C-alpha atoms as a PDB file:
ATOM      1  CA  MET A   1    -150.735 -72.219-145.237  1.00  0.00           C
ATOM      2  CA  GLU A   2    -147.285 -72.714-143.739  1.00  0.00           C
ATOM      3  CA  GLU A   3    -148.841 -74.146-140.579  1.00  0.00           C
ATOM      4  CA  LEU A   4    -150.885 -76.610-142.603  1.00  0.00           C
ATOM      5  CA  ASP A   5    -147.770 -77.799-144.440  1.00  0.00           C
ATOM      6  CA  LYS A   6    -145.944 -78.233-141.134  1.00  0.00           C
ATOM      7  CA  ALA A   7    -148.795 -80.201-139.638  1.00  0.00           C
ATOM      8  CA  GLY A   8    -148.922 -82.420-142.704  1.00  0.00           C
ATOM      9  CA  HIS A   9    -145.188 -83.020-142.492  1.00  0.00           C
ATOM     10  CA  ASN A  10    -145.454 -84.035-138.805  1.00  0.00           C
ATOM     11  CA  ALA A  11    -148.327 -86.363-139.573  1.00  0.00           C
ATOM     12  CA  GLU A  12    -146.271 -88.107-142.232  1.00  0.00           C
ATOM     13  CA  THR A  13    -143.096 -88.469-140.175  1.00  0.00           C
ATOM     14  CA  GLY A  14    -143.655 -88.635-136.457  1.00  0.00           C
ATOM     15  CA  SER A  15    -147.313 -88.945-135.515  1.00  0.00           C
ATOM     16  CA  PRO A  16    -148.678 -92.210-134.001  1.00  0.00           C
ATOM     17  CA  ALA A  17    -151.054 -92.637-136.922  1.00  0.00           C
ATOM     18  CA  ALA A  18    -148.189 -92.390-139.392  1.00  0.00           C
ATOM     19  CA  ALA A  19    -146.123 -94.865-137.389  1.00  0.00           C
ATOM     20  CA  ASP A  20    -148.997 -97.346-137.372  1.00  0.00           C
ATOM     21  CA  LYS A  21    -149.485 -96.894-141.093  1.00  0.00           C
ATOM     22  CA  ALA A  22    -145.800 -97.478-141.739  1.00  0.00           C
ATOM     23  CA  GLU A  23    -145.893-100.589-139.557  1.00  0.00           C
ATOM     24  CA  VAL A  24    -148.826-102.006-141.508  1.00  0.00           C
ATOM     25  CA  GLU A  25    -147.139-101.248-144.825  1.00  0.00           C
ATOM     26  CA  GLU A  26    -143.950-102.942-143.633  1.00  0.00           C
ATOM     27  CA  SER A  27    -145.858-106.031-142.508  1.00  0.00           C
ATOM     28  CA  LEU A  28    -147.506-106.258-145.913  1.00  0.00           C
ATOM     29  CA  LYS A  29    -144.062-106.384-147.492  1.00  0.00           C
ATOM     30  CA  GLU A  30    -142.877-109.254-145.285  1.00  0.00           C
ATOM     31  CA  GLY A  31    -142.756-112.457-147.240  1.00  0.00           C
ATOM     32  CA  SER A  32    -144.182-115.640-145.789  1.00  0.00           C
ATOM     33  CA  GLY A  33    -141.573-117.852-147.428  1.00  0.00           C
ATOM     34  CA  SER A  34    -144.124-119.187-149.899  1.00  0.00           C
ATOM     35  CA  GLY A  35    -144.017-116.466-152.530  1.00  0.00           C
ATOM     36  CA  PHE A  36    -146.695-114.143-151.180  1.00  0.00           C
ATOM     37  CA  SER A  37    -147.054-111.549-148.465  1.00  0.00           C
ATOM     38  CA  LEU A  38    -149.143-111.621-145.322  1.00  0.00           C
ATOM     39  CA  SER A  39    -150.709-108.799-143.376  1.00  0.00           C
ATOM     40  CA  ARG A  40    -149.817-108.123-139.767  1.00  0.00           C
ATOM     41  CA  GLU A  41    -153.013-109.810-138.605  1.00  0.00           C
ATOM     42  CA  GLU A  42    -152.278-112.858-140.740  1.00  0.00           C
ATOM     43  CA  HIS A  43    -148.735-113.107-139.356  1.00  0.00           C
ATOM     44  CA  ARG A  44    -150.204-112.988-135.867  1.00  0.00           C
ATOM     45  CA  GLU A  45    -152.671-115.714-136.793  1.00  0.00           C
ATOM     46  CA  VAL A  46    -149.846-117.923-138.071  1.00  0.00           C
ATOM     47  CA  LYS A  47    -147.962-117.500-134.803  1.00  0.00           C
ATOM     48  CA  GLU A  48    -151.046-118.249-132.729  1.00  0.00           C
ATOM     49  CA  LYS A  49    -151.768-121.441-134.652  1.00  0.00           C
ATOM     50  CA  SER A  50    -148.162-122.655-134.647  1.00  0.00           C
ATOM     51  CA  PRO A  51    -147.377-125.379-132.094  1.00  0.00           C
ATOM     52  CA  PRO A  52    -145.121-124.291-129.208  1.00  0.00           C
ATOM     53  CA  ARG A  53    -141.412-124.997-129.513  1.00  0.00           C
ATOM     54  CA  ALA A  54    -139.950-127.903-127.545  1.00  0.00           C
ATOM     55  CA  ALA A  55    -138.107-125.393-125.359  1.00  0.00           C
ATOM     56  CA  VAL A  56    -141.432-123.823-124.362  1.00  0.00           C
ATOM     57  CA  LEU A  57    -142.900-127.205-123.382  1.00  0.00           C
ATOM     58  CA  HIS A  58    -139.737-128.028-121.479  1.00  0.00           C
ATOM     59  CA  GLU A  59    -140.025-124.797-119.501  1.00  0.00           C
ATOM     60  CA  VAL A  60    -143.712-125.294-118.770  1.00  0.00           C
ATOM     61  CA  ILE A  61    -143.039-128.757-117.340  1.00  0.00           C
ATOM     62  CA  ARG A  62    -139.863-127.666-115.539  1.00  0.00           C
ATOM     63  CA  HIS A  63    -141.709-124.768-113.922  1.00  0.00           C
ATOM     64  CA  SER A  64    -144.418-127.184-112.770  1.00  0.00           C
ATOM     65  CA  GLY A  65    -141.706-129.429-111.358  1.00  0.00           C
ATOM     66  CA  GLU A  66    -140.170-126.532-109.452  1.00  0.00           C
ATOM     67  CA  GLU A  67    -143.537-125.810-107.888  1.00  0.00           C
ATOM     68  CA  GLU A  68    -143.928-129.440-106.835  1.00  0.00           C
ATOM     69  CA  LEU A  69    -140.415-129.565-105.385  1.00  0.00           C
ATOM     70  CA  SER A  70    -141.167-126.473-103.313  1.00  0.00           C
ATOM     71  CA  ARG A  71    -144.363-127.808-101.734  1.00  0.00           C
ATOM     72  CA  GLY A  72    -144.405-128.527 -98.029  1.00  0.00           C
ATOM     73  CA  PHE A  73    -144.426-131.942 -96.374  1.00  0.00           C
ATOM     74  CA  ALA A  74    -148.081-131.870 -95.338  1.00  0.00           C
ATOM     75  CA  ALA A  75    -149.314-130.725 -98.758  1.00  0.00           C
ATOM     76  CA  LEU A  76    -147.367-133.468-100.539  1.00  0.00           C
ATOM     77  CA  ALA A  77    -148.427-136.140 -98.064  1.00  0.00           C
ATOM     78  CA  TRP A  78    -152.144-135.399 -98.247  1.00  0.00           C
ATOM     79  CA  SER A  79    -152.152-134.896-102.019  1.00  0.00           C
ATOM     80  CA  SER A  80    -150.264-138.139-102.677  1.00  0.00           C
ATOM     81  CA  LEU A  81    -152.515-140.069-100.274  1.00  0.00           C
ATOM     82  CA  ALA A  82    -155.579-138.686-102.048  1.00  0.00           C
ATOM     83  CA  ALA A  83    -154.068-139.661-105.403  1.00  0.00           C
ATOM     84  CA  GLY A  84    -153.454-143.213-104.210  1.00  0.00           C
ATOM     85  CA  LEU A  85    -157.034-143.585-102.999  1.00  0.00           C
ATOM     86  CA  THR A  86    -158.315-142.166-106.283  1.00  0.00           C
ATOM     87  CA  MET A  87    -156.139-144.463-108.395  1.00  0.00           C
ATOM     88  CA  GLY A  88    -157.862-147.418-106.780  1.00  0.00           C
ATOM     89  CA  PHE A  89    -160.879-146.565-108.911  1.00  0.00           C
ATOM     90  CA  SER A  90    -158.971-147.801-111.967  1.00  0.00           C
ATOM     91  CA  LEU A  91    -159.111-151.301-110.475  1.00  0.00           C
ATOM     92  CA  LEU A  92    -162.722-150.850-109.404  1.00  0.00           C
ATOM     93  CA  ALA A  93    -163.952-149.584-112.772  1.00  0.00           C
ATOM     94  CA  ARG A  94    -162.080-152.207-114.732  1.00  0.00           C
ATOM     95  CA  GLY A  95    -163.295-155.024-112.482  1.00  0.00           C
ATOM     96  CA  VAL A  96    -166.934-153.947-112.684  1.00  0.00           C
ATOM     97  CA  LEU A  97    -166.767-153.703-116.484  1.00  0.00           C
ATOM     98  CA  GLN A  98    -165.016-157.061-116.755  1.00  0.00           C
ATOM     99  CA  ARG A  99    -167.669-158.720-114.596  1.00  0.00           C
ATOM    100  CA  HIS A 100    -170.499-157.443-116.835  1.00  0.00           C
ATOM    101  CA  LEU A 101    -168.628-158.197-120.063  1.00  0.00           C
ATOM    102  CA  ALA A 102    -167.849-161.807-119.130  1.00  0.00           C
ATOM    103  CA  GLY A 103    -168.151-163.972-122.228  1.00  0.00           C
ATOM    104  CA  VAL A 104    -168.384-161.024-124.618  1.00  0.00           C
ATOM    105  CA  GLY A 105    -165.978-161.212-127.533  1.00  0.00           C
ATOM    106  CA  GLY A 106    -163.400-158.422-127.325  1.00  0.00           C
ATOM    107  CA  GLY A 107    -164.621-157.505-123.861  1.00  0.00           C
ATOM    108  CA  HIS A 108    -161.055-156.808-122.770  1.00  0.00           C
ATOM    109  CA  LEU A 109    -160.900-153.863-125.148  1.00  0.00           C
ATOM    110  CA  ILE A 110    -163.936-152.363-123.423  1.00  0.00           C
ATOM    111  CA  ASP A 111    -163.135-153.093-119.779  1.00  0.00           C
ATOM    112  CA  ALA A 112    -159.692-151.564-120.331  1.00  0.00           C
ATOM    113  CA  LEU A 113    -161.460-148.199-120.511  1.00  0.00           C
ATOM    114  CA  GLY A 114    -162.101-148.526-116.791  1.00  0.00           C
ATOM    115  CA  TYR A 115    -158.352-148.394-116.255  1.00  0.00           C
ATOM    116  CA  THR A 116    -158.326-144.775-117.436  1.00  0.00           C
ATOM    117  CA  PHE A 117    -160.765-143.523-114.778  1.00  0.00           C
ATOM    118  CA  GLY A 118    -158.286-143.165-111.931  1.00  0.00           C
ATOM    119  CA  PHE A 119    -155.799-141.304-114.119  1.00  0.00           C
ATOM    120  CA  LEU A 120    -158.484-138.910-115.309  1.00  0.00           C
ATOM    121  CA  ALA A 121    -159.561-138.087-111.770  1.00  0.00           C
ATOM    122  CA  VAL A 122    -156.031-137.709-110.386  1.00  0.00           C
ATOM    123  CA  ILE A 123    -154.576-135.624-113.211  1.00  0.00           C
ATOM    124  CA  LEU A 124    -157.541-133.311-113.679  1.00  0.00           C
ATOM    125  CA  ALA A 125    -157.780-132.837-109.898  1.00  0.00           C
ATOM    126  CA  ARG A 126    -154.048-131.947-109.785  1.00  0.00           C
ATOM    127  CA  GLN A 127    -153.214-134.617-107.203  1.00  0.00           C
ATOM    128  CA  GLN A 128    -149.692-135.960-106.760  1.00  0.00           C
ATOM    129  CA  LEU A 129    -149.060-139.067-108.869  1.00  0.00           C
ATOM    130  CA  PHE A 130    -145.601-140.632-108.708  1.00  0.00           C
ATOM    131  CA  THR A 131    -145.265-141.538-112.380  1.00  0.00           C
ATOM    132  CA  GLU A 132    -146.074-137.960-113.425  1.00  0.00           C
ATOM    133  CA  ASN A 133    -143.249-136.755-111.209  1.00  0.00           C
ATOM    134  CA  THR A 134    -140.749-139.018-112.947  1.00  0.00           C
ATOM    135  CA  LEU A 135    -140.767-136.326-115.657  1.00  0.00           C
ATOM    136  CA  THR A 136    -141.925-133.052-114.089  1.00  0.00           C
ATOM    137  CA  ALA A 137    -139.736-133.221-111.000  1.00  0.00           C
ATOM    138  CA  VAL A 138    -136.660-134.551-112.791  1.00  0.00           C
ATOM    139  CA  LEU A 139    -136.389-131.719-115.330  1.00  0.00           C
ATOM    140  CA  PRO A 140    -135.295-129.133-112.704  1.00  0.00           C
ATOM    141  CA  PHE A 141    -132.541-131.540-111.652  1.00  0.00           C
ATOM    142  CA  MET A 142    -131.458-132.141-115.253  1.00  0.00           C
ATOM    143  CA  THR A 143    -131.428-128.391-115.871  1.00  0.00           C
ATOM    144  CA  LYS A 144    -129.351-127.620-112.761  1.00  0.00           C
ATOM    145  CA  PRO A 145    -127.766-130.848-111.541  1.00  0.00           C
ATOM    146  CA  GLY A 146    -126.398-130.748-108.030  1.00  0.00           C
ATOM    147  CA  TRP A 147    -126.732-132.259-104.584  1.00  0.00           C
ATOM    148  CA  ARG A 148    -129.391-129.792-103.477  1.00  0.00           C
ATOM    149  CA  ASN A 149    -131.701-130.510-106.400  1.00  0.00           C
ATOM    150  CA  LEU A 150    -131.026-134.236-106.118  1.00  0.00           C
ATOM    151  CA  LEU A 151    -132.072-134.234-102.465  1.00  0.00           C
ATOM    152  CA  ARG A 152    -135.186-132.220-103.311  1.00  0.00           C
ATOM    153  CA  LEU A 153    -136.032-134.720-106.035  1.00  0.00           C
ATOM    154  CA  LEU A 154    -135.545-137.753-103.775  1.00  0.00           C
ATOM    155  CA  ARG A 155    -137.626-136.088-101.039  1.00  0.00           C
ATOM    156  CA  LEU A 156    -140.505-135.515-103.448  1.00  0.00           C
ATOM    157  CA  TRP A 157    -140.315-138.987-104.957  1.00  0.00           C
ATOM    158  CA  SER A 158    -140.209-140.764-101.602  1.00  0.00           C
ATOM    159  CA  LEU A 159    -143.119-138.777-100.124  1.00  0.00           C
ATOM    160  CA  VAL A 160    -145.322-139.110-103.196  1.00  0.00           C
ATOM    161  CA  LEU A 161    -144.550-142.806-103.698  1.00  0.00           C
ATOM    162  CA  LEU A 162    -145.256-143.681-100.070  1.00  0.00           C
ATOM    163  CA  GLY A 163    -148.461-141.657-100.075  1.00  0.00           C
ATOM    164  CA  ASN A 164    -149.647-143.264-103.331  1.00  0.00           C
ATOM    165  CA  LEU A 165    -148.870-146.787-102.100  1.00  0.00           C
ATOM    166  CA  LEU A 166    -150.601-146.207 -98.789  1.00  0.00           C
ATOM    167  CA  GLY A 167    -153.658-144.844-100.592  1.00  0.00           C
ATOM    168  CA  VAL A 168    -154.038-147.756-103.012  1.00  0.00           C
ATOM    169  CA  SER A 169    -153.454-150.251-100.192  1.00  0.00           C
ATOM    170  CA  LEU A 170    -156.250-148.712 -98.129  1.00  0.00           C
ATOM    171  CA  PHE A 171    -158.509-148.720-101.170  1.00  0.00           C
ATOM    172  CA  ALA A 172    -157.745-152.381-101.956  1.00  0.00           C
ATOM    173  CA  PHE A 173    -158.427-153.390 -98.343  1.00  0.00           C
ATOM    174  CA  GLY A 174    -161.783-151.605 -98.359  1.00  0.00           C
ATOM    175  CA  LEU A 175    -162.671-153.019-101.771  1.00  0.00           C
ATOM    176  CA  LEU A 176    -162.241-156.534-100.393  1.00  0.00           C
ATOM    177  CA  HIS A 177    -163.767-156.213 -96.921  1.00  0.00           C
ATOM    178  CA  LEU A 178    -166.575-153.645 -97.183  1.00  0.00           C
ATOM    179  CA  GLN A 179    -168.814-156.066 -99.117  1.00  0.00           C
ATOM    180  CA  GLN A 180    -169.820-153.555-101.746  1.00  0.00           C
ATOM    181  CA  PHE A 181    -169.792-156.011-104.677  1.00  0.00           C
ATOM    182  CA  ASP A 182    -171.090-159.480-105.381  1.00  0.00           C
ATOM    183  CA  ALA A 183    -168.930-162.586-105.604  1.00  0.00           C
ATOM    184  CA  ALA A 184    -168.667-162.418-109.405  1.00  0.00           C
ATOM    185  CA  THR A 185    -167.230-158.893-109.267  1.00  0.00           C
ATOM    186  CA  GLN A 186    -164.828-159.896-106.504  1.00  0.00           C
ATOM    187  CA  ARG A 187    -163.606-162.739-108.703  1.00  0.00           C
ATOM    188  CA  ALA A 188    -163.053-160.233-111.501  1.00  0.00           C
ATOM    189  CA  PHE A 189    -160.784-158.208-109.190  1.00  0.00           C
ATOM    190  CA  VAL A 190    -158.820-161.376-108.398  1.00  0.00           C
ATOM    191  CA  GLU A 191    -158.520-162.274-112.083  1.00  0.00           C
ATOM    192  CA  ILE A 192    -157.074-158.854-112.826  1.00  0.00           C
ATOM    193  CA  GLY A 193    -154.492-159.407-110.096  1.00  0.00           C
ATOM    194  CA  ARG A 194    -153.663-162.886-111.334  1.00  0.00           C
ATOM    195  CA  GLU A 195    -153.125-161.580-114.839  1.00  0.00           C
ATOM    196  CA  LEU A 196    -150.663-159.044-113.449  1.00  0.00           C
ATOM    197  CA  MET A 197    -148.725-161.560-111.375  1.00  0.00           C
ATOM    198  CA  GLN A 198    -148.274-163.923-114.327  1.00  0.00           C
ATOM    199  CA  ASN A 199    -145.476-161.645-115.548  1.00  0.00           C
ATOM    200  CA  THR A 200    -141.926-162.526-114.617  1.00  0.00           C
ATOM    201  CA  PRO A 201    -139.905-159.900-112.698  1.00  0.00           C
ATOM    202  CA  PHE A 202    -138.055-159.015-115.892  1.00  0.00           C
ATOM    203  CA  ALA A 203    -141.352-158.648-117.769  1.00  0.00           C
ATOM    204  CA  MET A 204    -142.563-156.389-114.950  1.00  0.00           C
ATOM    205  CA  PHE A 205    -139.462-154.256-115.467  1.00  0.00           C
ATOM    206  CA  SER A 206    -139.572-154.117-119.260  1.00  0.00           C
ATOM    207  CA  LYS A 207    -143.309-153.443-119.382  1.00  0.00           C
ATOM    208  CA  GLY A 208    -142.804-150.824-116.670  1.00  0.00           C
ATOM    209  CA  ILE A 209    -140.395-148.989-118.954  1.00  0.00           C
ATOM    210  CA  LEU A 210    -143.101-148.642-121.596  1.00  0.00           C
ATOM    211  CA  ALA A 211    -145.696-147.523-119.040  1.00  0.00           C
ATOM    212  CA  GLY A 212    -143.359-144.877-117.617  1.00  0.00           C
ATOM    213  CA  TRP A 213    -142.482-143.739-121.123  1.00  0.00           C
ATOM    214  CA  ILE A 214    -146.153-143.384-122.089  1.00  0.00           C
ATOM    215  CA  ILE A 215    -146.972-141.410-118.926  1.00  0.00           C
ATOM    216  CA  ALA A 216    -144.047-139.055-119.614  1.00  0.00           C
ATOM    217  CA  MET A 217    -145.254-138.569-123.199  1.00  0.00           C
ATOM    218  CA  MET A 218    -148.696-137.842-121.830  1.00  0.00           C
ATOM    219  CA  VAL A 219    -147.327-135.132-119.527  1.00  0.00           C
ATOM    220  CA  TRP A 220    -145.448-133.580-122.466  1.00  0.00           C
ATOM    221  CA  MET A 221    -148.553-133.609-124.674  1.00  0.00           C
ATOM    222  CA  LEU A 222    -150.709-132.136-121.912  1.00  0.00           C
ATOM    223  CA  ALA A 223    -148.316-129.202-121.708  1.00  0.00           C
ATOM    224  CA  ALA A 224    -148.758-128.635-125.453  1.00  0.00           C
ATOM    225  CA  SER A 225    -152.540-128.844-125.481  1.00  0.00           C
ATOM    226  CA  GLU A 226    -155.261-126.882-123.758  1.00  0.00           C
ATOM    227  CA  ARG A 227    -158.372-128.335-125.358  1.00  0.00           C
ATOM    228  CA  SER A 228    -157.615-132.056-125.733  1.00  0.00           C
ATOM    229  CA  ARG A 229    -156.566-132.968-122.206  1.00  0.00           C
ATOM    230  CA  LEU A 230    -159.347-135.503-121.713  1.00  0.00           C
ATOM    231  CA  ALA A 231    -158.575-137.318-124.962  1.00  0.00           C
ATOM    232  CA  ILE A 232    -154.826-137.354-124.299  1.00  0.00           C
ATOM    233  CA  ILE A 233    -155.225-138.897-120.842  1.00  0.00           C
ATOM    234  CA  VAL A 234    -157.707-141.527-122.030  1.00  0.00           C
ATOM    235  CA  ILE A 235    -155.713-142.552-125.101  1.00  0.00           C
ATOM    236  CA  CYS A 236    -152.381-142.832-123.306  1.00  0.00           C
ATOM    237  CA  THR A 237    -153.644-144.740-120.271  1.00  0.00           C
ATOM    238  CA  TYR A 238    -155.891-146.926-122.426  1.00  0.00           C
ATOM    239  CA  LEU A 239    -152.794-147.993-124.348  1.00  0.00           C
ATOM    240  CA  ILE A 240    -151.155-148.993-121.052  1.00  0.00           C
ATOM    241  CA  ALA A 241    -154.200-151.095-120.186  1.00  0.00           C
ATOM    242  CA  ILE A 242    -154.618-152.956-123.469  1.00  0.00           C
ATOM    243  CA  GLY A 243    -150.857-153.436-123.767  1.00  0.00           C
ATOM    244  CA  GLY A 244    -150.651-155.025-120.329  1.00  0.00           C
ATOM    245  CA  PHE A 245    -147.877-152.614-119.331  1.00  0.00           C
ATOM    246  CA  THR A 246    -147.116-152.371-115.629  1.00  0.00           C
ATOM    247  CA  HIS A 247    -147.740-149.214-113.616  1.00  0.00           C
ATOM    248  CA  ILE A 248    -146.444-149.052-110.056  1.00  0.00           C
ATOM    249  CA  ILE A 249    -149.516-147.324-108.571  1.00  0.00           C
ATOM    250  CA  VAL A 250    -152.425-149.029-110.354  1.00  0.00           C
ATOM    251  CA  GLY A 251    -150.560-152.329-110.230  1.00  0.00           C
ATOM    252  CA  SER A 252    -150.044-151.916-106.490  1.00  0.00           C
ATOM    253  CA  ALA A 253    -153.811-151.692-106.019  1.00  0.00           C
ATOM    254  CA  GLU A 254    -154.148-154.984-107.898  1.00  0.00           C
ATOM    255  CA  ALA A 255    -151.248-156.649-106.077  1.00  0.00           C
ATOM    256  CA  MET A 256    -152.396-155.500-102.619  1.00  0.00           C
ATOM    257  CA  TYR A 257    -155.890-156.791-103.316  1.00  0.00           C
ATOM    258  CA  MET A 258    -154.277-160.163-103.996  1.00  0.00           C
ATOM    259  CA  VAL A 259    -152.343-159.909-100.737  1.00  0.00           C
ATOM    260  CA  PHE A 260    -155.449-159.119 -98.680  1.00  0.00           C
ATOM    261  CA  ALA A 261    -157.349-161.913-100.454  1.00  0.00           C
ATOM    262  CA  GLY A 262    -154.619-164.399 -99.501  1.00  0.00           C
ATOM    263  CA  GLU A 263    -153.618-165.101-103.092  1.00  0.00           C
ATOM    264  CA  ILE A 264    -149.984-163.946-102.727  1.00  0.00           C
ATOM    265  CA  SER A 265    -147.666-162.855 -99.929  1.00  0.00           C
ATOM    266  CA  LEU A 266    -146.575-159.298 -99.250  1.00  0.00           C
ATOM    267  CA  ALA A 267    -142.974-160.253-100.046  1.00  0.00           C
ATOM    268  CA  GLU A 268    -144.070-161.586-103.433  1.00  0.00           C
ATOM    269  CA  ALA A 269    -145.979-158.397-104.156  1.00  0.00           C
ATOM    270  CA  VAL A 270    -142.914-156.286-103.326  1.00  0.00           C
ATOM    271  CA  LEU A 271    -140.162-158.389-104.883  1.00  0.00           C
ATOM    272  CA  HIS A 272    -141.972-159.917-107.839  1.00  0.00           C
ATOM    273  CA  PHE A 273    -144.017-156.870-108.828  1.00  0.00           C
ATOM    274  CA  GLY A 274    -143.166-153.712-106.894  1.00  0.00           C
ATOM    275  CA  LEU A 275    -139.421-153.228-107.219  1.00  0.00           C
ATOM    276  CA  PRO A 276    -139.079-154.290-110.892  1.00  0.00           C
ATOM    277  CA  THR A 277    -142.062-152.157-111.931  1.00  0.00           C
ATOM    278  CA  LEU A 278    -140.860-149.142-109.959  1.00  0.00           C
ATOM    279  CA  ALA A 279    -137.449-149.391-111.618  1.00  0.00           C
ATOM    280  CA  GLY A 280    -139.036-149.724-115.060  1.00  0.00           C
ATOM    281  CA  ASN A 281    -141.309-146.703-114.593  1.00  0.00           C
ATOM    282  CA  VAL A 282    -138.381-144.536-113.482  1.00  0.00           C
ATOM    283  CA  VAL A 283    -136.216-145.684-116.378  1.00  0.00           C
ATOM    284  CA  GLY A 284    -138.964-145.097-118.942  1.00  0.00           C
ATOM    285  CA  GLY A 285    -140.143-141.754-117.571  1.00  0.00           C
ATOM    286  CA  SER A 286    -136.887-140.170-116.425  1.00  0.00           C
ATOM    287  CA  LEU A 287    -133.855-141.838-117.967  1.00  0.00           C
ATOM    288  CA  ILE A 288    -135.310-142.350-121.432  1.00  0.00           C
ATOM    289  CA  PHE A 289    -138.042-139.839-122.251  1.00  0.00           C
ATOM    290  CA  GLY A 290    -136.981-137.155-119.777  1.00  0.00           C
ATOM    291  CA  LEU A 291    -133.305-137.320-120.706  1.00  0.00           C
ATOM    292  CA  ILE A 292    -133.993-137.361-124.451  1.00  0.00           C
ATOM    293  CA  SER A 293    -136.425-134.450-124.209  1.00  0.00           C
ATOM    294  CA  HIS A 294    -134.001-132.440-122.102  1.00  0.00           C
ATOM    295  CA  ALA A 295    -131.128-133.170-124.481  1.00  0.00           C
ATOM    296  CA  GLN A 296    -133.283-132.095-127.415  1.00  0.00           C
ATOM    297  CA  VAL A 297    -133.894-128.708-125.795  1.00  0.00           C
ATOM    298  CA  ARG A 298    -130.312-128.264-124.623  1.00  0.00           C
ATOM    299  CA  SER A 299    -128.931-128.968-128.075  1.00  0.00           C
ATOM    300  CA  GLY A 300    -131.227-126.705-130.044  1.00  0.00           C
ATOM    301  CA  GLY A 301    -133.963-125.276-127.865  1.00  0.00           C
ATOM    302  CA  ASN A 302    -132.127-122.093-126.877  1.00  0.00           C
ATOM    303  CA  GLU A 303    -132.402-120.657-130.346  1.00  0.00           C
ATOM    304  CA  ALA A 304    -135.076-117.985-130.393  1.00  0.00           C
ATOM    305  CA  PRO A 305    -136.138-115.596-133.119  1.00  0.00           C
ATOM    306  CA  GLU A 306    -134.746-112.104-132.806  1.00  0.00           C
ATOM    307  CA  ILE A 307    -137.326-109.544-131.765  1.00  0.00           C
ATOM    308  CA  SER A 308    -136.590-105.997-132.739  1.00  0.00           C
ATOM    309  CA  PRO A 309    -137.631-103.352-130.230  1.00  0.00           C
ATOM    310  CA  ALA A 310    -140.795-101.483-131.068  1.00  0.00           C
ATOM    311  CA  PRO A 311    -140.488 -97.814-132.060  1.00  0.00           C
ATOM    312  CA  PRO A 312    -141.104 -95.415-129.152  1.00  0.00           C
ATOM    313  CA  ASP A 313    -144.273 -94.079-130.730  1.00  0.00           C
ATOM    314  CA  SER A 314    -145.628 -97.435-131.901  1.00  0.00           C
ATOM    315  CA  ALA A 315    -149.001 -98.779-130.899  1.00  0.00           C
ATOM    316  CA  ALA A 316    -147.346-101.694-129.075  1.00  0.00           C
ATOM    317  CA  THR A 317    -145.362 -99.284-126.890  1.00  0.00           C
ATOM    318  CA  ARG A 318    -148.443 -97.269-126.107  1.00  0.00           C
ATOM    319  CA  ARG A 319    -150.386-100.398-125.171  1.00  0.00           C
ATOM    320  CA  SER A 320    -147.603-101.675-122.895  1.00  0.00           C
ATOM    321  CA  SER A 321    -147.482 -98.367-121.047  1.00  0.00           C
ATOM    322  CA  MET A 322    -151.168 -98.486-120.231  1.00  0.00           C
ATOM    323  CA  PRO A 323    -152.066 -99.513-116.651  1.00  0.00           C
ATOM    324  CA  ARG A 324    -153.157-103.143-116.306  1.00  0.00           C
ATOM    325  CA  ARG A 325    -156.327-104.279-114.633  1.00  0.00           C
ATOM    326  CA  SER A 326    -155.897-106.040-111.326  1.00  0.00           C
END
């Protein structure tokens, strides 16, 4: 009888089953802030369905930027060249749609969907796109400013930008000279380029700010979502297309097509379009959205909820001590 009492006492005070029972009872007592209590499973469900904090998104993007900054020369060069070639399909898809929608009311709203194709392929294939790096690669520098990180950032930007520009130039040259499309489609490509070059240099710059800003927002939203990546990319880049905002990589495909077709000079493509748009994309992606997002995290993102250590005999401790599968 004495042994039974002792065993019962141990079960109530120190056994794993008693600890689990006490943990469940304690979780049932925790208020949700709305006047009722939630079980442990319901608290876990709330946490799982809560959006990640801004500090978490910042760290996800910063970590991605660190990985990009650490990549070797050859990897960056080939990936950025592939991205430039792929981005040329935004011009191709939009031109083909525009040619078949000629005379259709509101056709611009449909052919603008073609603009999204290159972004979809590049981002989902994890190729190096310069305007993505205006946010991802700049966050490590903003977190730890210094000459070393600045040089790493400039190295990445220069390699990726040159690779992207070379890729879209090769694509534009092939699009013009390989005779893959009829004359009507070729005229559609020229019309797209003419529409771009109608902007003044200042308009190129100001519209480039909005395009860079939208791309940076897209990168931030992609870090927060796992199931809506396709929709996020399409919506953001579609807005750039219908808004007529200027993007240094897609716009370079359009401008270089105009150069190869003899519509404009290379100097005009660089000075009238390239430099103002490049400056606008960097300002919108890095100096505005990137800086604001970083400041938001720095000012309040370090606050984290306190996590009390689990009791030695708790189920969580036992699970953490179990060997993991390789």
